[in-house]
Amino acid sequence: MKLNSILYVKDQAKSREFYAIALGMAPRLDVPGMTEFELSPGCVLGLMPEKGIKRLLPAMPDPEAGNGIPRAEVYLTVSDPELYHARALAAGARELSPMEPRGWGDKAAYSLDPDGHVLVFAAPSK
C-alpha cells in the first residue's frame, strides 16, 4: 500500500518553501499545480493550490471557505522531532504545543503551517 496525502494550500510556492525547510528535503516534484515530498518509500505529501482543486472538482465545497480553521493534521513520526519542530518554527509555523510526552506513548510537538494545517512531529517516548 502507498499513501499519497495532499494538502490544499493558498500559495504553492510559499508552502513549498515552508515544507522544504521543515522537512529538510527538496520536493521530488514541483510543477505548477502540484508539489510532492517523498517522506519515505511509498509515502508522499502533496501540496495543491486551492484554486487547482476547485477547477478539478468544482462540485466540492470551496477549500478557501475554511481558511483559518484547521482542516487537516499531518502527524509525522521522525527520528529527531525536536529538530523538525524547530525547523518548522524557524520557517514560520506557529507553535500550538511544545514537545512533551503524550498519553498514547509518543513525545510530540504541534504547530500550524502557513495554511493553518496542524503539523506534528513525534517519536516514541523512551
PDB file of N, CA and C in Angstrom:
ATOM      1  N   MET A   1       0.841  -1.172   0.000  1.00  0.00           N
ATOM      2  CA  MET A   1       0.000   0.000   0.000  1.00  0.00           C
ATOM      3  C   MET A   1       0.886   1.235   0.000  1.00  0.00           C
ATOM      4  N   LYS A   2       0.440   2.233  -0.732  1.00  0.00           N
ATOM      5  CA  LYS A   2       1.122   3.522  -0.757  1.00  0.00           C
ATOM      6  C   LYS A   2       0.173   4.582  -0.220  1.00  0.00           C
ATOM      7  N   LEU A   3       0.738   5.640   0.335  1.00  0.00           N
ATOM      8  CA  LEU A   3      -0.060   6.732   0.859  1.00  0.00           C
ATOM      9  C   LEU A   3       0.363   8.029   0.204  1.00  0.00           C
ATOM     10  N   ASN A   4      -0.558   8.652  -0.499  1.00  0.00           N
ATOM     11  CA  ASN A   4      -0.360   9.989  -1.038  1.00  0.00           C
ATOM     12  C   ASN A   4      -1.385  10.877  -0.360  1.00  0.00           C
ATOM     13  N   SER A   5      -0.920  11.840   0.379  1.00  0.00           N
ATOM     14  CA  SER A   5      -1.801  12.769   1.063  1.00  0.00           C
ATOM     15  C   SER A   5      -1.539  14.155   0.483  1.00  0.00           C
ATOM     16  N   ILE A   6      -2.615  14.889   0.194  1.00  0.00           N
ATOM     17  CA  ILE A   6      -2.485  16.196  -0.437  1.00  0.00           C
ATOM     18  C   ILE A   6      -3.139  17.253   0.439  1.00  0.00           C
ATOM     19  N   LEU A   7      -2.402  18.320   0.716  1.00  0.00           N
ATOM     20  CA  LEU A   7      -2.930  19.479   1.422  1.00  0.00           C
ATOM     21  C   LEU A   7      -3.271  20.552   0.402  1.00  0.00           C
ATOM     22  N   TYR A   8      -4.431  21.164   0.555  1.00  0.00           N
ATOM     23  CA  TYR A   8      -4.804  22.295  -0.292  1.00  0.00           C
ATOM     24  C   TYR A   8      -4.209  23.550   0.328  1.00  0.00           C
ATOM     25  N   VAL A   9      -3.473  24.312  -0.469  1.00  0.00           N
ATOM     26  CA  VAL A   9      -2.727  25.467   0.031  1.00  0.00           C
ATOM     27  C   VAL A   9      -3.091  26.724  -0.741  1.00  0.00           C
ATOM     28  N   LYS A  10      -2.984  27.840  -0.073  1.00  0.00           N
ATOM     29  CA  LYS A  10      -3.289  29.124  -0.707  1.00  0.00           C
ATOM     30  C   LYS A  10      -2.194  29.519  -1.702  1.00  0.00           C
ATOM     31  N   ASP A  11      -0.934  29.374  -1.307  1.00  0.00           N
ATOM     32  CA  ASP A  11       0.203  29.802  -2.111  1.00  0.00           C
ATOM     33  C   ASP A  11       1.182  28.631  -2.220  1.00  0.00           C
ATOM     34  N   GLN A  12       1.201  27.977  -3.372  1.00  0.00           N
ATOM     35  CA  GLN A  12       2.030  26.781  -3.557  1.00  0.00           C
ATOM     36  C   GLN A  12       3.504  27.065  -3.299  1.00  0.00           C
ATOM     37  N   ALA A  13       4.024  28.169  -3.804  1.00  0.00           N
ATOM     38  CA  ALA A  13       5.449  28.474  -3.628  1.00  0.00           C
ATOM     39  C   ALA A  13       5.791  28.688  -2.157  1.00  0.00           C
ATOM     40  N   LYS A  14       4.953  29.431  -1.444  1.00  0.00           N
ATOM     41  CA  LYS A  14       5.193  29.685  -0.018  1.00  0.00           C
ATOM     42  C   LYS A  14       5.145  28.377   0.773  1.00  0.00           C
ATOM     43  N   SER A  15       4.168  27.541   0.472  1.00  0.00           N
ATOM     44  CA  SER A  15       4.050  26.264   1.178  1.00  0.00           C
ATOM     45  C   SER A  15       5.197  25.322   0.818  1.00  0.00           C
ATOM     46  N   ARG A  16       5.619  25.336  -0.443  1.00  0.00           N
ATOM     47  CA  ARG A  16       6.771  24.518  -0.861  1.00  0.00           C
ATOM     48  C   ARG A  16       8.004  24.912  -0.067  1.00  0.00           C
ATOM     49  N   GLU A  17       8.277  26.195   0.056  1.00  0.00           N
ATOM     50  CA  GLU A  17       9.446  26.658   0.796  1.00  0.00           C
ATOM     51  C   GLU A  17       9.333  26.282   2.267  1.00  0.00           C
ATOM     52  N   PHE A  18       8.153  26.456   2.857  1.00  0.00           N
ATOM     53  CA  PHE A  18       7.939  26.095   4.249  1.00  0.00           C
ATOM     54  C   PHE A  18       8.243  24.611   4.471  1.00  0.00           C
ATOM     55  N   TYR A  19       7.640  23.740   3.670  1.00  0.00           N
ATOM     56  CA  TYR A  19       7.832  22.301   3.878  1.00  0.00           C
ATOM     57  C   TYR A  19       9.249  21.847   3.519  1.00  0.00           C
ATOM     58  N   ALA A  20       9.890  22.479   2.564  1.00  0.00           N
ATOM     59  CA  ALA A  20      11.286  22.132   2.263  1.00  0.00           C
ATOM     60  C   ALA A  20      12.166  22.395   3.482  1.00  0.00           C
ATOM     61  N   ILE A  21      11.937  23.513   4.154  1.00  0.00           N
ATOM     62  CA  ILE A  21      12.716  23.839   5.357  1.00  0.00           C
ATOM     63  C   ILE A  21      12.328  22.905   6.503  1.00  0.00           C
ATOM     64  N   ALA A  22      11.023  22.783   6.772  1.00  0.00           N
ATOM     65  CA  ALA A  22      10.567  21.982   7.909  1.00  0.00           C
ATOM     66  C   ALA A  22      10.969  20.516   7.779  1.00  0.00           C
ATOM     67  N   LEU A  23      10.870  19.976   6.565  1.00  0.00           N
ATOM     68  CA  LEU A  23      11.196  18.561   6.352  1.00  0.00           C
ATOM     69  C   LEU A  23      12.676  18.323   6.083  1.00  0.00           C
ATOM     70  N   GLY A  24      13.409  19.384   5.773  1.00  0.00           N
ATOM     71  CA  GLY A  24      14.837  19.243   5.483  1.00  0.00           C
ATOM     72  C   GLY A  24      15.099  18.493   4.188  1.00  0.00           C
ATOM     73  N   MET A  25      14.208  18.690   3.201  1.00  0.00           N
ATOM     74  CA  MET A  25      14.395  17.997   1.919  1.00  0.00           C
ATOM     75  C   MET A  25      13.781  18.815   0.795  1.00  0.00           C
ATOM     76  N   ALA A  26      14.274  18.572  -0.386  1.00  0.00           N
ATOM     77  CA  ALA A  26      13.713  19.195  -1.580  1.00  0.00           C
ATOM     78  C   ALA A  26      12.530  18.358  -2.064  1.00  0.00           C
ATOM     79  N   PRO A  27      11.579  18.996  -2.735  1.00  0.00           N
ATOM     80  CA  PRO A  27      10.476  18.210  -3.281  1.00  0.00           C
ATOM     81  C   PRO A  27      10.962  17.285  -4.392  1.00  0.00           C
ATOM     82  N   ARG A  28      10.270  16.155  -4.542  1.00  0.00           N
ATOM     83  CA  ARG A  28      10.604  15.245  -5.649  1.00  0.00           C
ATOM     84  C   ARG A  28       9.923  15.694  -6.932  1.00  0.00           C
ATOM     85  N   LEU A  29       8.860  16.475  -6.797  1.00  0.00           N
ATOM     86  CA  LEU A  29       8.120  17.017  -7.931  1.00  0.00           C
ATOM     87  C   LEU A  29       7.706  18.424  -7.564  1.00  0.00           C
ATOM     88  N   ASP A  30       7.903  19.355  -8.477  1.00  0.00           N
ATOM     89  CA  ASP A  30       7.472  20.731  -8.248  1.00  0.00           C
ATOM     90  C   ASP A  30       7.112  21.348  -9.586  1.00  0.00           C
ATOM     91  N   VAL A  31       5.839  21.269  -9.930  1.00  0.00           N
ATOM     92  CA  VAL A  31       5.319  21.803 -11.183  1.00  0.00           C
ATOM     93  C   VAL A  31       4.111  22.670 -10.852  1.00  0.00           C
ATOM     94  N   PRO A  32       3.721  23.555 -11.753  1.00  0.00           N
ATOM     95  CA  PRO A  32       2.522  24.345 -11.476  1.00  0.00           C
ATOM     96  C   PRO A  32       1.339  23.425 -11.157  1.00  0.00           C
ATOM     97  N   GLY A  33       0.753  23.636 -10.002  1.00  0.00           N
ATOM     98  CA  GLY A  33      -0.401  22.852  -9.595  1.00  0.00           C
ATOM     99  C   GLY A  33      -0.110  21.698  -8.648  1.00  0.00           C
ATOM    100  N   MET A  34       1.174  21.323  -8.453  1.00  0.00           N
ATOM    101  CA  MET A  34       1.465  20.215  -7.532  1.00  0.00           C
ATOM    102  C   MET A  34       2.932  20.221  -7.124  1.00  0.00           C
ATOM    103  N   THR A  35       3.135  20.103  -5.833  1.00  0.00           N
ATOM    104  CA  THR A  35       4.455  19.878  -5.260  1.00  0.00           C
ATOM    105  C   THR A  35       4.345  18.608  -4.429  1.00  0.00           C
ATOM    106  N   GLU A  36       5.347  17.722  -4.540  1.00  0.00           N
ATOM    107  CA  GLU A  36       5.337  16.473  -3.783  1.00  0.00           C
ATOM    108  C   GLU A  36       6.649  16.272  -3.045  1.00  0.00           C
ATOM    109  N   PHE A  37       6.530  15.838  -1.797  1.00  0.00           N
ATOM    110  CA  PHE A  37       7.672  15.450  -0.983  1.00  0.00           C
ATOM    111  C   PHE A  37       7.552  13.963  -0.697  1.00  0.00           C
ATOM    112  N   GLU A  38       8.578  13.193  -1.045  1.00  0.00           N
ATOM    113  CA  GLU A  38       8.577  11.767  -0.725  1.00  0.00           C
ATOM    114  C   GLU A  38       9.139  11.603   0.678  1.00  0.00           C
ATOM    115  N   LEU A  39       8.246  11.341   1.627  1.00  0.00           N
ATOM    116  CA  LEU A  39       8.633  11.254   3.031  1.00  0.00           C
ATOM    117  C   LEU A  39       9.337   9.944   3.342  1.00  0.00           C
ATOM    118  N   SER A  40       8.931   8.892   2.679  1.00  0.00           N
ATOM    119  CA  SER A  40       9.561   7.573   2.758  1.00  0.00           C
ATOM    120  C   SER A  40       9.059   6.802   1.550  1.00  0.00           C
ATOM    121  N   PRO A  41       9.662   5.663   1.229  1.00  0.00           N
ATOM    122  CA  PRO A  41       9.176   4.923   0.060  1.00  0.00           C
ATOM    123  C   PRO A  41       7.671   4.635   0.181  1.00  0.00           C
ATOM    124  N   GLY A  42       6.932   5.088  -0.803  1.00  0.00           N
ATOM    125  CA  GLY A  42       5.502   4.857  -0.824  1.00  0.00           C
ATOM    126  C   GLY A  42       4.671   5.832  -0.016  1.00  0.00           C
ATOM    127  N   CYS A  43       5.290   6.865   0.535  1.00  0.00           N
ATOM    128  CA  CYS A  43       4.574   7.845   1.364  1.00  0.00           C
ATOM    129  C   CYS A  43       4.905   9.249   0.860  1.00  0.00           C
ATOM    130  N   VAL A  44       3.916   9.917   0.286  1.00  0.00           N
ATOM    131  CA  VAL A  44       4.132  11.213  -0.352  1.00  0.00           C
ATOM    132  C   VAL A  44       3.191  12.255   0.234  1.00  0.00           C
ATOM    133  N   LEU A  45       3.734  13.428   0.519  1.00  0.00           N
ATOM    134  CA  LEU A  45       2.947  14.580   0.934  1.00  0.00           C
ATOM    135  C   LEU A  45       2.889  15.542  -0.247  1.00  0.00           C
ATOM    136  N   GLY A  46       1.684  15.831  -0.701  1.00  0.00           N
ATOM    137  CA  GLY A  46       1.493  16.743  -1.821  1.00  0.00           C
ATOM    138  C   GLY A  46       0.930  18.076  -1.373  1.00  0.00           C
ATOM    139  N   LEU A  47       1.226  19.103  -2.139  1.00  0.00           N
ATOM    140  CA  LEU A  47       0.702  20.447  -1.922  1.00  0.00           C
ATOM    141  C   LEU A  47       0.031  20.892  -3.217  1.00  0.00           C
ATOM    142  N   MET A  48      -1.269  21.150  -3.159  1.00  0.00           N
ATOM    143  CA  MET A  48      -2.023  21.576  -4.343  1.00  0.00           C
ATOM    144  C   MET A  48      -2.689  22.909  -4.048  1.00  0.00           C
ATOM    145  N   PRO A  49      -2.575  23.859  -4.963  1.00  0.00           N
ATOM    146  CA  PRO A  49      -3.259  25.131  -4.741  1.00  0.00           C
ATOM    147  C   PRO A  49      -4.773  24.941  -4.626  1.00  0.00           C
ATOM    148  N   GLU A  50      -5.387  25.698  -3.730  1.00  0.00           N
ATOM    149  CA  GLU A  50      -6.839  25.635  -3.557  1.00  0.00           C
ATOM    150  C   GLU A  50      -7.565  25.868  -4.870  1.00  0.00           C
ATOM    151  N   LYS A  51      -7.070  26.799  -5.663  1.00  0.00           N
ATOM    152  CA  LYS A  51      -7.717  27.096  -6.944  1.00  0.00           C
ATOM    153  C   LYS A  51      -7.639  25.902  -7.894  1.00  0.00           C
ATOM    154  N   GLY A  52      -6.576  25.102  -7.782  1.00  0.00           N
ATOM    155  CA  GLY A  52      -6.429  23.930  -8.643  1.00  0.00           C
ATOM    156  C   GLY A  52      -7.449  22.856  -8.331  1.00  0.00           C
ATOM    157  N   ILE A  53      -7.698  22.601  -7.056  1.00  0.00           N
ATOM    158  CA  ILE A  53      -8.677  21.570  -6.708  1.00  0.00           C
ATOM    159  C   ILE A  53     -10.077  22.059  -7.040  1.00  0.00           C
ATOM    160  N   LYS A  54     -10.312  23.367  -6.973  1.00  0.00           N
ATOM    161  CA  LYS A  54     -11.621  23.906  -7.352  1.00  0.00           C
ATOM    162  C   LYS A  54     -11.888  23.680  -8.832  1.00  0.00           C
ATOM    163  N   ARG A  55     -10.858  23.792  -9.669  1.00  0.00           N
ATOM    164  CA  ARG A  55     -11.028  23.524 -11.106  1.00  0.00           C
ATOM    165  C   ARG A  55     -11.233  22.032 -11.356  1.00  0.00           C
ATOM    166  N   LEU A  56     -10.496  21.203 -10.620  1.00  0.00           N
ATOM    167  CA  LEU A  56     -10.562  19.752 -10.812  1.00  0.00           C
ATOM    168  C   LEU A  56     -11.889  19.174 -10.325  1.00  0.00           C
ATOM    169  N   LEU A  57     -12.363  19.650  -9.175  1.00  0.00           N
ATOM    170  CA  LEU A  57     -13.603  19.137  -8.570  1.00  0.00           C
ATOM    171  C   LEU A  57     -14.525  20.315  -8.228  1.00  0.00           C
ATOM    172  N   PRO A  58     -15.153  20.913  -9.233  1.00  0.00           N
ATOM    173  CA  PRO A  58     -15.938  22.125  -8.971  1.00  0.00           C
ATOM    174  C   PRO A  58     -17.137  21.919  -8.048  1.00  0.00           C
ATOM    175  N   ALA A  59     -17.658  20.696  -7.930  1.00  0.00           N
ATOM    176  CA  ALA A  59     -18.813  20.454  -7.059  1.00  0.00           C
ATOM    177  C   ALA A  59     -18.421  20.320  -5.587  1.00  0.00           C
ATOM    178  N   MET A  60     -17.117  20.205  -5.319  1.00  0.00           N
ATOM    179  CA  MET A  60     -16.639  20.065  -3.947  1.00  0.00           C
ATOM    180  C   MET A  60     -16.776  21.400  -3.213  1.00  0.00           C
ATOM    181  N   PRO A  61     -17.042  21.390  -1.905  1.00  0.00           N
ATOM    182  CA  PRO A  61     -17.046  22.658  -1.157  1.00  0.00           C
ATOM    183  C   PRO A  61     -15.719  23.395  -1.340  1.00  0.00           C
ATOM    184  N   ASP A  62     -15.786  24.699  -1.385  1.00  0.00           N
ATOM    185  CA  ASP A  62     -14.618  25.548  -1.625  1.00  0.00           C
ATOM    186  C   ASP A  62     -13.653  25.487  -0.441  1.00  0.00           C
ATOM    187  N   PRO A  63     -12.423  24.985  -0.639  1.00  0.00           N
ATOM    188  CA  PRO A  63     -11.467  24.922   0.473  1.00  0.00           C
ATOM    189  C   PRO A  63     -11.128  26.296   1.049  1.00  0.00           C
ATOM    190  N   GLU A  64     -11.229  27.351   0.229  1.00  0.00           N
ATOM    191  CA  GLU A  64     -10.930  28.690   0.739  1.00  0.00           C
ATOM    192  C   GLU A  64     -11.915  29.113   1.833  1.00  0.00           C
ATOM    193  N   ALA A  65     -13.097  28.519   1.852  1.00  0.00           N
ATOM    194  CA  ALA A  65     -14.088  28.862   2.866  1.00  0.00           C
ATOM    195  C   ALA A  65     -13.644  28.411   4.254  1.00  0.00           C
ATOM    196  N   GLY A  66     -12.685  27.502   4.318  1.00  0.00           N
ATOM    197  CA  GLY A  66     -12.191  27.008   5.599  1.00  0.00           C
ATOM    198  C   GLY A  66     -10.907  27.658   6.057  1.00  0.00           C
ATOM    199  N   ASN A  67     -10.434  28.677   5.342  1.00  0.00           N
ATOM    200  CA  ASN A  67      -9.178  29.322   5.735  1.00  0.00           C
ATOM    201  C   ASN A  67      -9.257  29.825   7.164  1.00  0.00           C
ATOM    202  N   GLY A  68      -8.187  29.573   7.913  1.00  0.00           N
ATOM    203  CA  GLY A  68      -8.115  29.985   9.305  1.00  0.00           C
ATOM    204  C   GLY A  68      -8.641  28.931  10.268  1.00  0.00           C
ATOM    205  N   ILE A  69      -9.273  27.896   9.732  1.00  0.00           N
ATOM    206  CA  ILE A  69      -9.791  26.799  10.542  1.00  0.00           C
ATOM    207  C   ILE A  69      -8.945  25.568  10.220  1.00  0.00           C
ATOM    208  N   PRO A  70      -8.306  24.927  11.202  1.00  0.00           N
ATOM    209  CA  PRO A  70      -7.518  23.729  10.882  1.00  0.00           C
ATOM    210  C   PRO A  70      -8.391  22.694  10.164  1.00  0.00           C
ATOM    211  N   ARG A  71      -7.909  22.274   8.983  1.00  0.00           N
ATOM    212  CA  ARG A  71      -8.679  21.344   8.152  1.00  0.00           C
ATOM    213  C   ARG A  71      -8.020  19.982   8.050  1.00  0.00           C
ATOM    214  N   ALA A  72      -6.813  19.864   8.533  1.00  0.00           N
ATOM    215  CA  ALA A  72      -6.095  18.594   8.435  1.00  0.00           C
ATOM    216  C   ALA A  72      -4.977  18.581   9.460  1.00  0.00           C
ATOM    217  N   GLU A  73      -4.553  17.380   9.825  1.00  0.00           N
ATOM    218  CA  GLU A  73      -3.392  17.203  10.697  1.00  0.00           C
ATOM    219  C   GLU A  73      -2.418  16.276   9.979  1.00  0.00           C
ATOM    220  N   VAL A  74      -1.173  16.713   9.904  1.00  0.00           N
ATOM    221  CA  VAL A  74      -0.100  15.875   9.366  1.00  0.00           C
ATOM    222  C   VAL A  74       0.739  15.449  10.559  1.00  0.00           C
ATOM    223  N   TYR A  75       0.685  14.157  10.894  1.00  0.00           N
ATOM    224  CA  TYR A  75       1.378  13.608  12.057  1.00  0.00           C
ATOM    225  C   TYR A  75       2.534  12.769  11.534  1.00  0.00           C
ATOM    226  N   LEU A  76       3.753  13.265  11.732  1.00  0.00           N
ATOM    227  CA  LEU A  76       4.939  12.595  11.201  1.00  0.00           C
ATOM    228  C   LEU A  76       5.800  12.054  12.334  1.00  0.00           C
ATOM    229  N   THR A  77       6.049  10.758  12.314  1.00  0.00           N
ATOM    230  CA  THR A  77       6.953  10.129  13.265  1.00  0.00           C
ATOM    231  C   THR A  77       8.345  10.172  12.655  1.00  0.00           C
ATOM    232  N   VAL A  78       9.254  10.840  13.335  1.00  0.00           N
ATOM    233  CA  VAL A  78      10.605  11.069  12.815  1.00  0.00           C
ATOM    234  C   VAL A  78      11.631  10.742  13.901  1.00  0.00           C
ATOM    235  N   SER A  79      12.890  10.609  13.492  1.00  0.00           N
ATOM    236  CA  SER A  79      13.935  10.234  14.446  1.00  0.00           C
ATOM    237  C   SER A  79      14.302  11.360  15.411  1.00  0.00           C
ATOM    238  N   ASP A  80      14.156  12.605  14.994  1.00  0.00           N
ATOM    239  CA  ASP A  80      14.537  13.745  15.829  1.00  0.00           C
ATOM    240  C   ASP A  80      13.425  14.800  15.769  1.00  0.00           C
ATOM    241  N   PRO A  81      12.313  14.587  16.477  1.00  0.00           N
ATOM    242  CA  PRO A  81      11.181  15.511  16.349  1.00  0.00           C
ATOM    243  C   PRO A  81      11.502  16.927  16.817  1.00  0.00           C
ATOM    244  N   GLU A  82      12.409  17.072  17.769  1.00  0.00           N
ATOM    245  CA  GLU A  82      12.778  18.418  18.225  1.00  0.00           C
ATOM    246  C   GLU A  82      13.382  19.226  17.080  1.00  0.00           C
ATOM    247  N   LEU A  83      14.256  18.592  16.296  1.00  0.00           N
ATOM    248  CA  LEU A  83      14.888  19.266  15.159  1.00  0.00           C
ATOM    249  C   LEU A  83      13.838  19.673  14.126  1.00  0.00           C
ATOM    250  N   TYR A  84      12.960  18.751  13.768  1.00  0.00           N
ATOM    251  CA  TYR A  84      11.928  19.052  12.774  1.00  0.00           C
ATOM    252  C   TYR A  84      11.014  20.173  13.263  1.00  0.00           C
ATOM    253  N   HIS A  85      10.603  20.093  14.514  1.00  0.00           N
ATOM    254  CA  HIS A  85       9.722  21.129  15.072  1.00  0.00           C
ATOM    255  C   HIS A  85      10.419  22.485  15.063  1.00  0.00           C
ATOM    256  N   ALA A  86      11.682  22.519  15.447  1.00  0.00           N
ATOM    257  CA  ALA A  86      12.443  23.779  15.443  1.00  0.00           C
ATOM    258  C   ALA A  86      12.541  24.343  14.028  1.00  0.00           C
ATOM    259  N   ARG A  87      12.768  23.474  13.035  1.00  0.00           N
ATOM    260  CA  ARG A  87      12.837  23.953  11.640  1.00  0.00           C
ATOM    261  C   ARG A  87      11.489  24.511  11.194  1.00  0.00           C
ATOM    262  N   ALA A  88      10.412  23.847  11.592  1.00  0.00           N
ATOM    263  CA  ALA A  88       9.079  24.338  11.216  1.00  0.00           C
ATOM    264  C   ALA A  88       8.835  25.726  11.819  1.00  0.00           C
ATOM    265  N   LEU A  89       9.196  25.903  13.085  1.00  0.00           N
ATOM    266  CA  LEU A  89       9.021  27.205  13.724  1.00  0.00           C
ATOM    267  C   LEU A  89       9.882  28.256  13.051  1.00  0.00           C
ATOM    268  N   ALA A  90      11.117  27.893  12.705  1.00  0.00           N
ATOM    269  CA  ALA A  90      12.013  28.840  12.024  1.00  0.00           C
ATOM    270  C   ALA A  90      11.475  29.222  10.648  1.00  0.00           C
ATOM    271  N   ALA A  91      10.734  28.312  10.019  1.00  0.00           N
ATOM    272  CA  ALA A  91      10.176  28.563   8.688  1.00  0.00           C
ATOM    273  C   ALA A  91       8.860  29.339   8.753  1.00  0.00           C
ATOM    274  N   GLY A  92       8.358  29.589   9.974  1.00  0.00           N
ATOM    275  CA  GLY A  92       7.161  30.403  10.104  1.00  0.00           C
ATOM    276  C   GLY A  92       5.948  29.708  10.696  1.00  0.00           C
ATOM    277  N   ALA A  93       6.091  28.464  11.138  1.00  0.00           N
ATOM    278  CA  ALA A  93       4.963  27.794  11.796  1.00  0.00           C
ATOM    279  C   ALA A  93       4.654  28.488  13.117  1.00  0.00           C
ATOM    280  N   ARG A  94       3.415  28.356  13.547  1.00  0.00           N
ATOM    281  CA  ARG A  94       3.002  28.896  14.848  1.00  0.00           C
ATOM    282  C   ARG A  94       2.848  27.718  15.808  1.00  0.00           C
ATOM    283  N   GLU A  95       3.592  27.761  16.903  1.00  0.00           N
ATOM    284  CA  GLU A  95       3.555  26.656  17.858  1.00  0.00           C
ATOM    285  C   GLU A  95       2.206  26.597  18.564  1.00  0.00           C
ATOM    286  N   LEU A  96       1.639  25.388  18.606  1.00  0.00           N
ATOM    287  CA  LEU A  96       0.410  25.132  19.346  1.00  0.00           C
ATOM    288  C   LEU A  96       0.700  24.473  20.682  1.00  0.00           C
ATOM    289  N   SER A  97       1.675  23.549  20.680  1.00  0.00           N
ATOM    290  CA  SER A  97       2.030  22.824  21.899  1.00  0.00           C
ATOM    291  C   SER A  97       3.476  22.370  21.774  1.00  0.00           C
ATOM    292  N   PRO A  98       4.313  22.648  22.762  1.00  0.00           N
ATOM    293  CA  PRO A  98       5.720  22.260  22.669  1.00  0.00           C
ATOM    294  C   PRO A  98       5.892  20.738  22.777  1.00  0.00           C
ATOM    295  N   MET A  99       7.106  20.305  22.544  1.00  0.00           N
ATOM    296  CA  MET A  99       7.440  18.884  22.647  1.00  0.00           C
ATOM    297  C   MET A  99       7.195  18.411  24.070  1.00  0.00           C
ATOM    298  N   GLU A 100       6.394  17.376  24.211  1.00  0.00           N
ATOM    299  CA  GLU A 100       6.164  16.781  25.522  1.00  0.00           C
ATOM    300  C   GLU A 100       5.625  15.372  25.351  1.00  0.00           C
ATOM    301  N   PRO A 101       5.762  14.543  26.378  1.00  0.00           N
ATOM    302  CA  PRO A 101       5.210  13.190  26.308  1.00  0.00           C
ATOM    303  C   PRO A 101       3.687  13.250  26.199  1.00  0.00           C
ATOM    304  N   ARG A 102       3.143  12.376  25.381  1.00  0.00           N
ATOM    305  CA  ARG A 102       1.698  12.313  25.181  1.00  0.00           C
ATOM    306  C   ARG A 102       1.174  10.995  25.740  1.00  0.00           C
ATOM    307  N   GLY A 103      -0.074  10.958  26.086  1.00  0.00           N
ATOM    308  CA  GLY A 103      -0.668   9.800  26.730  1.00  0.00           C
ATOM    309  C   GLY A 103      -0.689   8.536  25.891  1.00  0.00           C
ATOM    310  N   TRP A 104      -0.496   8.646  24.594  1.00  0.00           N
ATOM    311  CA  TRP A 104      -0.528   7.469  23.717  1.00  0.00           C
ATOM    312  C   TRP A 104       0.846   6.863  23.489  1.00  0.00           C
ATOM    313  N   GLY A 105       1.877   7.403  24.181  1.00  0.00           N
ATOM    314  CA  GLY A 105       3.195   6.793  24.117  1.00  0.00           C
ATOM    315  C   GLY A 105       4.209   7.516  23.256  1.00  0.00           C
ATOM    316  N   ASP A 106       3.827   8.593  22.610  1.00  0.00           N
ATOM    317  CA  ASP A 106       4.770   9.390  21.820  1.00  0.00           C
ATOM    318  C   ASP A 106       5.122  10.656  22.576  1.00  0.00           C
ATOM    319  N   LYS A 107       6.271  11.235  22.214  1.00  0.00           N
ATOM    320  CA  LYS A 107       6.532  12.626  22.558  1.00  0.00           C
ATOM    321  C   LYS A 107       6.286  13.377  21.261  1.00  0.00           C
ATOM    322  N   ALA A 108       5.585  14.495  21.341  1.00  0.00           N
ATOM    323  CA  ALA A 108       5.171  15.190  20.129  1.00  0.00           C
ATOM    324  C   ALA A 108       5.060  16.682  20.373  1.00  0.00           C
ATOM    325  N   ALA A 109       5.292  17.452  19.306  1.00  0.00           N
ATOM    326  CA  ALA A 109       5.115  18.902  19.307  1.00  0.00           C
ATOM    327  C   ALA A 109       4.163  19.255  18.172  1.00  0.00           C
ATOM    328  N   TYR A 110       3.296  20.207  18.440  1.00  0.00           N
ATOM    329  CA  TYR A 110       2.267  20.622  17.485  1.00  0.00           C
ATOM    330  C   TYR A 110       2.481  22.064  17.053  1.00  0.00           C
ATOM    331  N   SER A 111       2.237  22.320  15.758  1.00  0.00           N
ATOM    332  CA  SER A 111       2.280  23.681  15.237  1.00  0.00           C
ATOM    333  C   SER A 111       1.267  23.809  14.101  1.00  0.00           C
ATOM    334  N   LEU A 112       1.114  25.040  13.609  1.00  0.00           N
ATOM    335  CA  LEU A 112       0.282  25.306  12.441  1.00  0.00           C
ATOM    336  C   LEU A 112       1.167  25.734  11.290  1.00  0.00           C
ATOM    337  N   ASP A 113       0.959  25.146  10.112  1.00  0.00           N
ATOM    338  CA  ASP A 113       1.704  25.560   8.923  1.00  0.00           C
ATOM    339  C   ASP A 113       1.100  26.866   8.390  1.00  0.00           C
ATOM    340  N   PRO A 114       1.662  27.453   7.328  1.00  0.00           N
ATOM    341  CA  PRO A 114       1.162  28.747   6.840  1.00  0.00           C
ATOM    342  C   PRO A 114      -0.311  28.736   6.420  1.00  0.00           C
ATOM    343  N   ASP A 115      -0.864  27.560   6.102  1.00  0.00           N
ATOM    344  CA  ASP A 115      -2.261  27.464   5.695  1.00  0.00           C
ATOM    345  C   ASP A 115      -3.190  27.052   6.831  1.00  0.00           C
ATOM    346  N   GLY A 116      -2.651  26.897   8.026  1.00  0.00           N
ATOM    347  CA  GLY A 116      -3.472  26.535   9.163  1.00  0.00           C
ATOM    348  C   GLY A 116      -3.671  25.047   9.359  1.00  0.00           C
ATOM    349  N   HIS A 117      -2.902  24.219   8.627  1.00  0.00           N
ATOM    350  CA  HIS A 117      -2.956  22.781   8.861  1.00  0.00           C
ATOM    351  C   HIS A 117      -2.114  22.462  10.097  1.00  0.00           C
ATOM    352  N   VAL A 118      -2.594  21.549  10.916  1.00  0.00           N
ATOM    353  CA  VAL A 118      -1.854  21.140  12.111  1.00  0.00           C
ATOM    354  C   VAL A 118      -0.702  20.247  11.672  1.00  0.00           C
ATOM    355  N   LEU A 119       0.495  20.557  12.122  1.00  0.00           N
ATOM    356  CA  LEU A 119       1.697  19.804  11.780  1.00  0.00           C
ATOM    357  C   LEU A 119       2.313  19.277  13.080  1.00  0.00           C
ATOM    358  N   VAL A 120       2.507  17.968  13.136  1.00  0.00           N
ATOM    359  CA  VAL A 120       3.008  17.323  14.342  1.00  0.00           C
ATOM    360  C   VAL A 120       4.268  16.549  13.994  1.00  0.00           C
ATOM    361  N   PHE A 121       5.293  16.724  14.804  1.00  0.00           N
ATOM    362  CA  PHE A 121       6.492  15.889  14.707  1.00  0.00           C
ATOM    363  C   PHE A 121       6.579  15.102  16.001  1.00  0.00           C
ATOM    364  N   ALA A 122       6.748  13.787  15.882  1.00  0.00           N
ATOM    365  CA  ALA A 122       6.681  12.911  17.038  1.00  0.00           C
ATOM    366  C   ALA A 122       7.693  11.783  16.942  1.00  0.00           C
ATOM    367  N   ALA A 123       7.935  11.154  18.090  1.00  0.00           N
ATOM    368  CA  ALA A 123       8.759   9.946  18.187  1.00  0.00           C
ATOM    369  C   ALA A 123       8.232   9.163  19.384  1.00  0.00           C
ATOM    370  N   PRO A 124       8.420   7.844  19.377  1.00  0.00           N
ATOM    371  CA  PRO A 124       8.007   7.079  20.545  1.00  0.00           C
ATOM    372  C   PRO A 124       8.762   7.550  21.787  1.00  0.00           C
ATOM    373  N   SER A 125       8.032   7.660  22.904  1.00  0.00           N
ATOM    374  CA  SER A 125       8.694   8.006  24.169  1.00  0.00           C
ATOM    375  C   SER A 125       9.570   6.836  24.580  1.00  0.00           C
ATOM    376  N   LYS A 126      10.654   7.145  25.222  1.00  0.00           N
ATOM    377  CA  LYS A 126      11.576   6.080  25.630  1.00  0.00           C
ATOM    378  C   LYS A 126      11.266   5.634  27.029  1.00  0.00           C
TER     379      LYS A 126
END
